[in-house]
mmCIF file of all heavy atoms, coordinates in Angstrom:
data_MODEL
# 
_entry.id   MODEL 
# 
loop_
_atom_site.group_PDB 
_atom_site.id 
_atom_site.type_symbol 
_atom_site.label_atom_id 
_atom_site.label_alt_id 
_atom_site.label_comp_id 
_atom_site.label_asym_id 
_atom_site.label_entity_id 
_atom_site.label_seq_id 
_atom_site.pdbx_PDB_ins_code 
_atom_site.Cartn_x 
_atom_site.Cartn_y 
_atom_site.Cartn_z 
_atom_site.occupancy 
_atom_site.B_iso_or_equiv 
_atom_site.pdbx_formal_charge 
_atom_site.auth_seq_id 
_atom_site.auth_comp_id 
_atom_site.auth_asym_id 
_atom_site.auth_atom_id 
_atom_site.pdbx_PDB_model_num 
ATOM 1   N N   . GLY A 1 1  ? 5.671   11.774  -4.465  1.00 0.00 ? 1  GLY A N   1 
ATOM 2   C CA  . GLY A 1 1  ? 5.853   10.991  -3.243  1.00 0.00 ? 1  GLY A CA  1 
ATOM 3   C C   . GLY A 1 1  ? 6.005   9.512   -3.509  1.00 0.00 ? 1  GLY A C   1 
ATOM 4   O O   . GLY A 1 1  ? 6.219   9.064   -4.586  1.00 0.00 ? 1  GLY A O   1 
ATOM 5   N N   . THR A 1 2  ? 5.952   8.744   -2.369  1.00 0.00 ? 2  THR A N   1 
ATOM 6   C CA  . THR A 1 2  ? 6.153   7.362   -2.482  1.00 0.00 ? 2  THR A CA  1 
ATOM 7   C C   . THR A 1 2  ? 4.839   6.562   -2.552  1.00 0.00 ? 2  THR A C   1 
ATOM 8   O O   . THR A 1 2  ? 3.776   7.122   -2.337  1.00 0.00 ? 2  THR A O   1 
ATOM 9   C CB  . THR A 1 2  ? 6.878   6.843   -1.210  1.00 0.00 ? 2  THR A CB  1 
ATOM 10  O OG1 . THR A 1 2  ? 6.132   7.218   -0.045  1.00 0.00 ? 2  THR A OG1 1 
ATOM 11  C CG2 . THR A 1 2  ? 8.300   7.581   -1.109  1.00 0.00 ? 2  THR A CG2 1 
ATOM 12  N N   . ILE A 1 3  ? 4.983   5.269   -2.932  1.00 0.00 ? 3  ILE A N   1 
ATOM 13  C CA  . ILE A 1 3  ? 3.820   4.400   -2.896  1.00 0.00 ? 3  ILE A CA  1 
ATOM 14  C C   . ILE A 1 3  ? 3.502   4.006   -1.432  1.00 0.00 ? 3  ILE A C   1 
ATOM 15  O O   . ILE A 1 3  ? 4.386   3.433   -0.832  1.00 0.00 ? 3  ILE A O   1 
ATOM 16  C CB  . ILE A 1 3  ? 4.112   3.177   -3.799  1.00 0.00 ? 3  ILE A CB  1 
ATOM 17  C CG1 . ILE A 1 3  ? 4.397   3.545   -5.176  1.00 0.00 ? 3  ILE A CG1 1 
ATOM 18  C CG2 . ILE A 1 3  ? 2.938   2.184   -3.687  1.00 0.00 ? 3  ILE A CG2 1 
ATOM 19  C CD1 . ILE A 1 3  ? 4.811   2.356   -6.072  1.00 0.00 ? 3  ILE A CD1 1 
ATOM 20  N N   . PRO A 1 4  ? 2.344   4.300   -0.960  1.00 0.00 ? 4  PRO A N   1 
ATOM 21  C CA  . PRO A 1 4  ? 2.083   3.993   0.508   1.00 0.00 ? 4  PRO A CA  1 
ATOM 22  C C   . PRO A 1 4  ? 2.109   2.535   0.742   1.00 0.00 ? 4  PRO A C   1 
ATOM 23  O O   . PRO A 1 4  ? 1.489   1.740   -0.025  1.00 0.00 ? 4  PRO A O   1 
ATOM 24  C CB  . PRO A 1 4  ? 0.662   4.553   0.673   1.00 0.00 ? 4  PRO A CB  1 
ATOM 25  C CG  . PRO A 1 4  ? 0.428   5.486   -0.440  1.00 0.00 ? 4  PRO A CG  1 
ATOM 26  C CD  . PRO A 1 4  ? 1.217   5.029   -1.621  1.00 0.00 ? 4  PRO A CD  1 
ATOM 27  N N   . PRO A 1 5  ? 2.871   2.047   1.728   1.00 0.00 ? 5  PRO A N   1 
ATOM 28  C CA  . PRO A 1 5  ? 2.861   0.682   2.116   1.00 0.00 ? 5  PRO A CA  1 
ATOM 29  C C   . PRO A 1 5  ? 1.543   0.134   2.471   1.00 0.00 ? 5  PRO A C   1 
ATOM 30  O O   . PRO A 1 5  ? 1.216   -1.023  2.421   1.00 0.00 ? 5  PRO A O   1 
ATOM 31  C CB  . PRO A 1 5  ? 3.874   0.503   3.228   1.00 0.00 ? 5  PRO A CB  1 
ATOM 32  C CG  . PRO A 1 5  ? 4.024   1.935   3.771   1.00 0.00 ? 5  PRO A CG  1 
ATOM 33  C CD  . PRO A 1 5  ? 3.803   2.845   2.607   1.00 0.00 ? 5  PRO A CD  1 
ATOM 34  N N   . GLU A 1 6  ? 0.635   1.097   2.927   1.00 0.00 ? 6  GLU A N   1 
ATOM 35  C CA  . GLU A 1 6  ? -0.720  0.736   3.294   1.00 0.00 ? 6  GLU A CA  1 
ATOM 36  C C   . GLU A 1 6  ? -1.555  0.088   2.231   1.00 0.00 ? 6  GLU A C   1 
ATOM 37  O O   . GLU A 1 6  ? -2.556  -0.629  2.498   1.00 0.00 ? 6  GLU A O   1 
ATOM 38  C CB  . GLU A 1 6  ? -1.464  1.939   3.873   1.00 0.00 ? 6  GLU A CB  1 
ATOM 39  C CG  . GLU A 1 6  ? -0.973  2.446   5.218   1.00 0.00 ? 6  GLU A CG  1 
ATOM 40  C CD  . GLU A 1 6  ? 0.209   3.365   5.106   1.00 0.00 ? 6  GLU A CD  1 
ATOM 41  O OE1 . GLU A 1 6  ? 0.723   3.536   3.988   1.00 0.00 ? 6  GLU A OE1 1 
ATOM 42  O OE2 . GLU A 1 6  ? 0.663   3.874   6.173   1.00 0.00 ? 6  GLU A OE2 1 
ATOM 43  N N   . LEU A 1 7  ? -1.169  0.309   0.994   1.00 0.00 ? 7  LEU A N   1 
ATOM 44  C CA  . LEU A 1 7  ? -1.866  -0.353  -0.146  1.00 0.00 ? 7  LEU A CA  1 
ATOM 45  C C   . LEU A 1 7  ? -1.753  -1.853  -0.064  1.00 0.00 ? 7  LEU A C   1 
ATOM 46  O O   . LEU A 1 7  ? -2.561  -2.536  -0.632  1.00 0.00 ? 7  LEU A O   1 
ATOM 47  C CB  . LEU A 1 7  ? -1.357  0.217   -1.495  1.00 0.00 ? 7  LEU A CB  1 
ATOM 48  C CG  . LEU A 1 7  ? -1.573  1.685   -1.789  1.00 0.00 ? 7  LEU A CG  1 
ATOM 49  C CD1 . LEU A 1 7  ? -1.084  2.004   -3.188  1.00 0.00 ? 7  LEU A CD1 1 
ATOM 50  C CD2 . LEU A 1 7  ? -3.061  2.096   -1.645  1.00 0.00 ? 7  LEU A CD2 1 
ATOM 51  N N   . GLY A 1 8  ? -0.806  -2.313  0.656   1.00 0.00 ? 8  GLY A N   1 
ATOM 52  C CA  . GLY A 1 8  ? -0.623  -3.744  0.864   1.00 0.00 ? 8  GLY A CA  1 
ATOM 53  C C   . GLY A 1 8  ? -1.735  -4.380  1.687   1.00 0.00 ? 8  GLY A C   1 
ATOM 54  O O   . GLY A 1 8  ? -1.799  -5.594  1.764   1.00 0.00 ? 8  GLY A O   1 
ATOM 55  N N   . ASN A 1 9  ? -2.609  -3.541  2.248   1.00 0.00 ? 9  ASN A N   1 
ATOM 56  C CA  . ASN A 1 9  ? -3.726  -4.050  3.048   1.00 0.00 ? 9  ASN A CA  1 
ATOM 57  C C   . ASN A 1 9  ? -4.870  -4.431  2.191   1.00 0.00 ? 9  ASN A C   1 
ATOM 58  O O   . ASN A 1 9  ? -5.862  -4.987  2.705   1.00 0.00 ? 9  ASN A O   1 
ATOM 59  C CB  . ASN A 1 9  ? -4.165  -2.917  4.068   1.00 0.00 ? 9  ASN A CB  1 
ATOM 60  C CG  . ASN A 1 9  ? -3.099  -2.606  5.043   1.00 0.00 ? 9  ASN A CG  1 
ATOM 61  O OD1 . ASN A 1 9  ? -2.234  -3.429  5.423   1.00 0.00 ? 9  ASN A OD1 1 
ATOM 62  N ND2 . ASN A 1 9  ? -3.145  -1.392  5.562   1.00 0.00 ? 9  ASN A ND2 1 
ATOM 63  N N   . LEU A 1 10 ? -4.864  -4.078  0.866   1.00 0.00 ? 10 LEU A N   1 
ATOM 64  C CA  . LEU A 1 10 ? -5.997  -4.240  -0.035  1.00 0.00 ? 10 LEU A CA  1 
ATOM 65  C C   . LEU A 1 10 ? -6.069  -5.708  -0.523  1.00 0.00 ? 10 LEU A C   1 
ATOM 66  O O   . LEU A 1 10 ? -5.704  -5.957  -1.721  1.00 0.00 ? 10 LEU A O   1 
ATOM 67  C CB  . LEU A 1 10 ? -5.954  -3.262  -1.160  1.00 0.00 ? 10 LEU A CB  1 
ATOM 68  C CG  . LEU A 1 10 ? -5.875  -1.769  -0.644  1.00 0.00 ? 10 LEU A CG  1 
ATOM 69  C CD1 . LEU A 1 10 ? -5.760  -0.877  -1.810  1.00 0.00 ? 10 LEU A CD1 1 
ATOM 70  C CD2 . LEU A 1 10 ? -7.141  -1.399  0.192   1.00 0.00 ? 10 LEU A CD2 1 
ATOM 71  N N   . VAL A 1 11 ? -6.436  -6.637  0.301   1.00 0.00 ? 11 VAL A N   1 
ATOM 72  C CA  . VAL A 1 11 ? -6.251  -8.039  -0.007  1.00 0.00 ? 11 VAL A CA  1 
ATOM 73  C C   . VAL A 1 11 ? -7.132  -8.488  -1.162  1.00 0.00 ? 11 VAL A C   1 
ATOM 74  O O   . VAL A 1 11 ? -6.803  -9.566  -1.754  1.00 0.00 ? 11 VAL A O   1 
ATOM 75  C CB  . VAL A 1 11 ? -6.563  -8.867  1.289   1.00 0.00 ? 11 VAL A CB  1 
ATOM 76  C CG1 . VAL A 1 11 ? -5.508  -8.626  2.295   1.00 0.00 ? 11 VAL A CG1 1 
ATOM 77  C CG2 . VAL A 1 11 ? -7.943  -8.610  1.799   1.00 0.00 ? 11 VAL A CG2 1 
ATOM 78  N N   . TYR A 1 12 ? -8.196  -7.775  -1.548  1.00 0.00 ? 12 TYR A N   1 
ATOM 79  C CA  . TYR A 1 12 ? -9.014  -8.177  -2.676  1.00 0.00 ? 12 TYR A CA  1 
ATOM 80  C C   . TYR A 1 12 ? -8.622  -7.482  -3.933  1.00 0.00 ? 12 TYR A C   1 
ATOM 81  O O   . TYR A 1 12 ? -9.200  -7.717  -5.007  1.00 0.00 ? 12 TYR A O   1 
ATOM 82  C CB  . TYR A 1 12 ? -10.466 -7.887  -2.368  1.00 0.00 ? 12 TYR A CB  1 
ATOM 83  C CG  . TYR A 1 12 ? -11.042 -8.709  -1.328  1.00 0.00 ? 12 TYR A CG  1 
ATOM 84  C CD1 . TYR A 1 12 ? -11.326 -8.182  0.001   1.00 0.00 ? 12 TYR A CD1 1 
ATOM 85  C CD2 . TYR A 1 12 ? -11.347 -10.031 -1.441  1.00 0.00 ? 12 TYR A CD2 1 
ATOM 86  C CE1 . TYR A 1 12 ? -11.850 -8.916  1.006   1.00 0.00 ? 12 TYR A CE1 1 
ATOM 87  C CE2 . TYR A 1 12 ? -11.889 -10.824 -0.416  1.00 0.00 ? 12 TYR A CE2 1 
ATOM 88  C CZ  . TYR A 1 12 ? -12.108 -10.255 0.755   1.00 0.00 ? 12 TYR A CZ  1 
ATOM 89  O OH  . TYR A 1 12 ? -12.628 -11.014 1.808   1.00 0.00 ? 12 TYR A OH  1 
ATOM 90  N N   . LEU A 1 13 ? -7.527  -6.664  -3.935  1.00 0.00 ? 13 LEU A N   1 
ATOM 91  C CA  . LEU A 1 13 ? -7.142  -5.921  -5.109  1.00 0.00 ? 13 LEU A CA  1 
ATOM 92  C C   . LEU A 1 13 ? -6.723  -6.800  -6.206  1.00 0.00 ? 13 LEU A C   1 
ATOM 93  O O   . LEU A 1 13 ? -5.849  -7.669  -6.052  1.00 0.00 ? 13 LEU A O   1 
ATOM 94  C CB  . LEU A 1 13 ? -6.052  -4.877  -4.760  1.00 0.00 ? 13 LEU A CB  1 
ATOM 95  C CG  . LEU A 1 13 ? -5.919  -3.740  -5.623  1.00 0.00 ? 13 LEU A CG  1 
ATOM 96  C CD1 . LEU A 1 13 ? -7.092  -2.821  -5.539  1.00 0.00 ? 13 LEU A CD1 1 
ATOM 97  C CD2 . LEU A 1 13 ? -4.645  -2.933  -5.238  1.00 0.00 ? 13 LEU A CD2 1 
ATOM 98  N N   . GLU A 1 14 ? -7.252  -6.586  -7.402  1.00 0.00 ? 14 GLU A N   1 
ATOM 99  C CA  . GLU A 1 14 ? -6.873  -7.269  -8.627  1.00 0.00 ? 14 GLU A CA  1 
ATOM 100 C C   . GLU A 1 14 ? -6.090  -6.419  -9.585  1.00 0.00 ? 14 GLU A C   1 
ATOM 101 O O   . GLU A 1 14 ? -5.275  -6.961  -10.315 1.00 0.00 ? 14 GLU A O   1 
ATOM 102 C CB  . GLU A 1 14 ? -8.128  -7.808  -9.319  1.00 0.00 ? 14 GLU A CB  1 
ATOM 103 C CG  . GLU A 1 14 ? -8.919  -8.826  -8.478  1.00 0.00 ? 14 GLU A CG  1 
ATOM 104 C CD  . GLU A 1 14 ? -10.115 -9.323  -9.213  1.00 0.00 ? 14 GLU A CD  1 
ATOM 105 O OE1 . GLU A 1 14 ? -10.461 -8.798  -10.309 1.00 0.00 ? 14 GLU A OE1 1 
ATOM 106 O OE2 . GLU A 1 14 ? -10.840 -10.168 -8.604  1.00 0.00 ? 14 GLU A OE2 1 
ATOM 107 N N   . THR A 1 15 ? -6.341  -5.134  -9.603  1.00 0.00 ? 15 THR A N   1 
ATOM 108 C CA  . THR A 1 15 ? -5.640  -4.163  -10.454 1.00 0.00 ? 15 THR A CA  1 
ATOM 109 C C   . THR A 1 15 ? -5.091  -3.017  -9.658  1.00 0.00 ? 15 THR A C   1 
ATOM 110 O O   . THR A 1 15 ? -5.884  -2.334  -9.016  1.00 0.00 ? 15 THR A O   1 
ATOM 111 C CB  . THR A 1 15 ? -6.554  -3.718  -11.626 1.00 0.00 ? 15 THR A CB  1 
ATOM 112 O OG1 . THR A 1 15 ? -6.985  -4.784  -12.402 1.00 0.00 ? 15 THR A OG1 1 
ATOM 113 C CG2 . THR A 1 15 ? -5.781  -2.684  -12.497 1.00 0.00 ? 15 THR A CG2 1 
ATOM 114 N N   . LEU A 1 16 ? -3.825  -2.789  -9.814  1.00 0.00 ? 16 LEU A N   1 
ATOM 115 C CA  . LEU A 1 16 ? -3.171  -1.594  -9.200  1.00 0.00 ? 16 LEU A CA  1 
ATOM 116 C C   . LEU A 1 16 ? -2.370  -0.920  -10.242 1.00 0.00 ? 16 LEU A C   1 
ATOM 117 O O   . LEU A 1 16 ? -1.352  -1.384  -10.674 1.00 0.00 ? 16 LEU A O   1 
ATOM 118 C CB  . LEU A 1 16 ? -2.277  -2.025  -8.073  1.00 0.00 ? 16 LEU A CB  1 
ATOM 119 C CG  . LEU A 1 16 ? -1.477  -0.840  -7.367  1.00 0.00 ? 16 LEU A CG  1 
ATOM 120 C CD1 . LEU A 1 16 ? -2.421  0.187   -6.790  1.00 0.00 ? 16 LEU A CD1 1 
ATOM 121 C CD2 . LEU A 1 16 ? -0.566  -1.441  -6.254  1.00 0.00 ? 16 LEU A CD2 1 
ATOM 122 N N   . SER A 1 17 ? -2.947  0.261   -10.701 1.00 0.00 ? 17 SER A N   1 
ATOM 123 C CA  . SER A 1 17 ? -2.327  0.919   -11.803 1.00 0.00 ? 17 SER A CA  1 
ATOM 124 C C   . SER A 1 17 ? -1.876  2.316   -11.413 1.00 0.00 ? 17 SER A C   1 
ATOM 125 O O   . SER A 1 17 ? -2.741  3.248   -11.166 1.00 0.00 ? 17 SER A O   1 
ATOM 126 C CB  . SER A 1 17 ? -3.352  1.054   -12.958 1.00 0.00 ? 17 SER A CB  1 
ATOM 127 O OG  . SER A 1 17 ? -2.743  1.594   -14.121 1.00 0.00 ? 17 SER A OG  1 
ATOM 128 N N   . LEU A 1 18 ? -0.613  2.550   -11.259 1.00 0.00 ? 18 LEU A N   1 
ATOM 129 C CA  . LEU A 1 18 ? -0.033  3.791   -10.794 1.00 0.00 ? 18 LEU A CA  1 
ATOM 130 C C   . LEU A 1 18 ? 0.932   4.373   -11.822 1.00 0.00 ? 18 LEU A C   1 
ATOM 131 O O   . LEU A 1 18 ? 1.694   5.329   -11.535 1.00 0.00 ? 18 LEU A O   1 
ATOM 132 C CB  . LEU A 1 18 ? 0.752   3.518   -9.496  1.00 0.00 ? 18 LEU A CB  1 
ATOM 133 C CG  . LEU A 1 18 ? 0.015   2.850   -8.365  1.00 0.00 ? 18 LEU A CG  1 
ATOM 134 C CD1 . LEU A 1 18 ? 0.932   2.619   -7.196  1.00 0.00 ? 18 LEU A CD1 1 
ATOM 135 C CD2 . LEU A 1 18 ? -1.212  3.650   -7.951  1.00 0.00 ? 18 LEU A CD2 1 
ATOM 136 N N   . GLY A 1 19 ? 0.900   3.950   -13.041 1.00 0.00 ? 19 GLY A N   1 
ATOM 137 C CA  . GLY A 1 19 ? 1.882   4.380   -14.024 1.00 0.00 ? 19 GLY A CA  1 
ATOM 138 C C   . GLY A 1 19 ? 1.707   5.822   -14.501 1.00 0.00 ? 19 GLY A C   1 
ATOM 139 O O   . GLY A 1 19 ? 0.705   6.458   -14.253 1.00 0.00 ? 19 GLY A O   1 
ATOM 140 N N   . ARG A 1 20 ? 2.729   6.345   -15.127 1.00 0.00 ? 20 ARG A N   1 
ATOM 141 C CA  . ARG A 1 20 ? 2.750   7.694   -15.694 1.00 0.00 ? 20 ARG A CA  1 
ATOM 142 C C   . ARG A 1 20 ? 2.381   8.751   -14.657 1.00 0.00 ? 20 ARG A C   1 
ATOM 143 O O   . ARG A 1 20 ? 1.513   9.589   -14.875 1.00 0.00 ? 20 ARG A O   1 
ATOM 144 C CB  . ARG A 1 20 ? 1.875   7.786   -16.897 1.00 0.00 ? 20 ARG A CB  1 
ATOM 145 C CG  . ARG A 1 20 ? 2.257   6.862   -18.043 1.00 0.00 ? 20 ARG A CG  1 
ATOM 146 C CD  . ARG A 1 20 ? 1.703   7.245   -19.396 1.00 0.00 ? 20 ARG A CD  1 
ATOM 147 N NE  . ARG A 1 20 ? 0.252   7.246   -19.411 1.00 0.00 ? 20 ARG A NE  1 
ATOM 148 C CZ  . ARG A 1 20 ? -0.541  6.166   -19.540 1.00 0.00 ? 20 ARG A CZ  1 
ATOM 149 N NH1 . ARG A 1 20 ? 0.030   4.982   -19.631 1.00 0.00 ? 20 ARG A NH1 1 
ATOM 150 N NH2 . ARG A 1 20 ? -1.785  6.280   -19.522 1.00 0.00 ? 20 ARG A NH2 1 
ATOM 151 N N   . ASN A 1 21 ? 3.144   8.744   -13.564 1.00 0.00 ? 21 ASN A N   1 
ATOM 152 C CA  . ASN A 1 21 ? 3.107   9.835   -12.588 1.00 0.00 ? 21 ASN A CA  1 
ATOM 153 C C   . ASN A 1 21 ? 4.542   10.294  -12.308 1.00 0.00 ? 21 ASN A C   1 
ATOM 154 O O   . ASN A 1 21 ? 5.391   10.129  -13.126 1.00 0.00 ? 21 ASN A O   1 
ATOM 155 C CB  . ASN A 1 21 ? 2.396   9.264   -11.275 1.00 0.00 ? 21 ASN A CB  1 
ATOM 156 C CG  . ASN A 1 21 ? 0.872   9.241   -11.414 1.00 0.00 ? 21 ASN A CG  1 
ATOM 157 O OD1 . ASN A 1 21 ? 0.217   10.318  -11.497 1.00 0.00 ? 21 ASN A OD1 1 
ATOM 158 N ND2 . ASN A 1 21 ? 0.279   8.060   -11.513 1.00 0.00 ? 21 ASN A ND2 1 
ATOM 159 N N   . GLN A 1 22 ? 4.731   10.771  -11.095 1.00 0.00 ? 22 GLN A N   1 
ATOM 160 C CA  . GLN A 1 22 ? 6.042   11.269  -10.690 1.00 0.00 ? 22 GLN A CA  1 
ATOM 161 C C   . GLN A 1 22 ? 6.473   10.650  -9.366  1.00 0.00 ? 22 GLN A C   1 
ATOM 162 O O   . GLN A 1 22 ? 7.082   11.325  -8.546  1.00 0.00 ? 22 GLN A O   1 
ATOM 163 C CB  . GLN A 1 22 ? 6.146   12.747  -10.665 1.00 0.00 ? 22 GLN A CB  1 
ATOM 164 C CG  . GLN A 1 22 ? 5.802   13.455  -11.971 1.00 0.00 ? 22 GLN A CG  1 
ATOM 165 C CD  . GLN A 1 22 ? 5.602   14.956  -11.889 1.00 0.00 ? 22 GLN A CD  1 
ATOM 166 O OE1 . GLN A 1 22 ? 6.214   15.585  -11.055 1.00 0.00 ? 22 GLN A OE1 1 
ATOM 167 N NE2 . GLN A 1 22 ? 4.835   15.512  -12.826 1.00 0.00 ? 22 GLN A NE2 1 
ATOM 168 N N   . LEU A 1 23 ? 6.071   9.437   -9.158  1.00 0.00 ? 23 LEU A N   1 
ATOM 169 C CA  . LEU A 1 23 ? 6.319   8.726   -7.887  1.00 0.00 ? 23 LEU A CA  1 
ATOM 170 C C   . LEU A 1 23 ? 7.831   8.426   -7.707  1.00 0.00 ? 23 LEU A C   1 
ATOM 171 O O   . LEU A 1 23 ? 8.473   8.082   -8.677  1.00 0.00 ? 23 LEU A O   1 
ATOM 172 C CB  . LEU A 1 23 ? 5.521   7.436   -7.836  1.00 0.00 ? 23 LEU A CB  1 
ATOM 173 C CG  . LEU A 1 23 ? 3.952   7.600   -7.946  1.00 0.00 ? 23 LEU A CG  1 
ATOM 174 C CD1 . LEU A 1 23 ? 3.282   6.235   -8.015  1.00 0.00 ? 23 LEU A CD1 1 
ATOM 175 C CD2 . LEU A 1 23 ? 3.446   8.474   -6.824  1.00 0.00 ? 23 LEU A CD2 1 
ATOM 176 N N   . THR A 1 24 ? 8.211   8.526   -6.505  1.00 0.00 ? 24 THR A N   1 
ATOM 177 C CA  . THR A 1 24 ? 9.669   8.351   -6.178  1.00 0.00 ? 24 THR A CA  1 
ATOM 178 C C   . THR A 1 24 ? 9.777   7.270   -5.083  1.00 0.00 ? 24 THR A C   1 
ATOM 179 O O   . THR A 1 24 ? 8.810   6.748   -4.598  1.00 0.00 ? 24 THR A O   1 
ATOM 180 C CB  . THR A 1 24 ? 10.303  9.607   -5.690  1.00 0.00 ? 24 THR A CB  1 
ATOM 181 O OG1 . THR A 1 24 ? 9.556   10.180  -4.592  1.00 0.00 ? 24 THR A OG1 1 
ATOM 182 C CG2 . THR A 1 24 ? 10.300  10.660  -6.782  1.00 0.00 ? 24 THR A CG2 1 
# 
């Protein structure tokens, strides 16, 4: 599936690691 745009709400996020999946 896709990367949820809702992740943009995580204003304190320092690390976002989504590699090595099957995201489209």
